[in-house]
Amino acid sequence: MGRDAFTTQWSALPTSTGSSLSPGAGSTKAHLGLVAETSISVRVRVHSGTQFFKLYVVNNEDAFFGYYPTRPNKVVAQGETIEIYDLVGKDTVLFHHSINDGESSGGAQQVQQARMWFDSVWETIGRDFDLDAR
């Protein structure tokens, strides 16, 4: 019974994350010089695996990567306290890697591998998620 409420709450994460990207993404990216225009689209794909890290790949040139620490936590679902291990990603420190560090640099290799990993997840186990359907 408590697990069902937890599952419902967990499944709402793609909606909140995707929705937070949409409104300000264009203006933020334009301000940073990452895109020429402010009209962008957000496409969300989800999978049922647990994420242990945060990864952003920007323009196939820069990667920002950080690990999610795991902490014990208690949550209340439908009046029942459930002990869980929580992945804490909000304050994750992101490490920057760039192809501009040189073609054979560790930064360039990290960007290449991050993009390869992302594409493999996107194309195999990822499935479309409609932000408007929720």
Foldseek 3Di string as FASTA:
>chain_A
DQVVQVVVVVVCVQLVVQVVCPPCVLVVCVVVVLDVGSDDDDWDWDFDDDDQKDWDQGPLFKIWIFGFDWDWDWDAGPNDIDIDIDGHDPPTHIDMAGCVVDVPDPSNVVSVVVVVVVVVCCPPRIDTDDSVVD
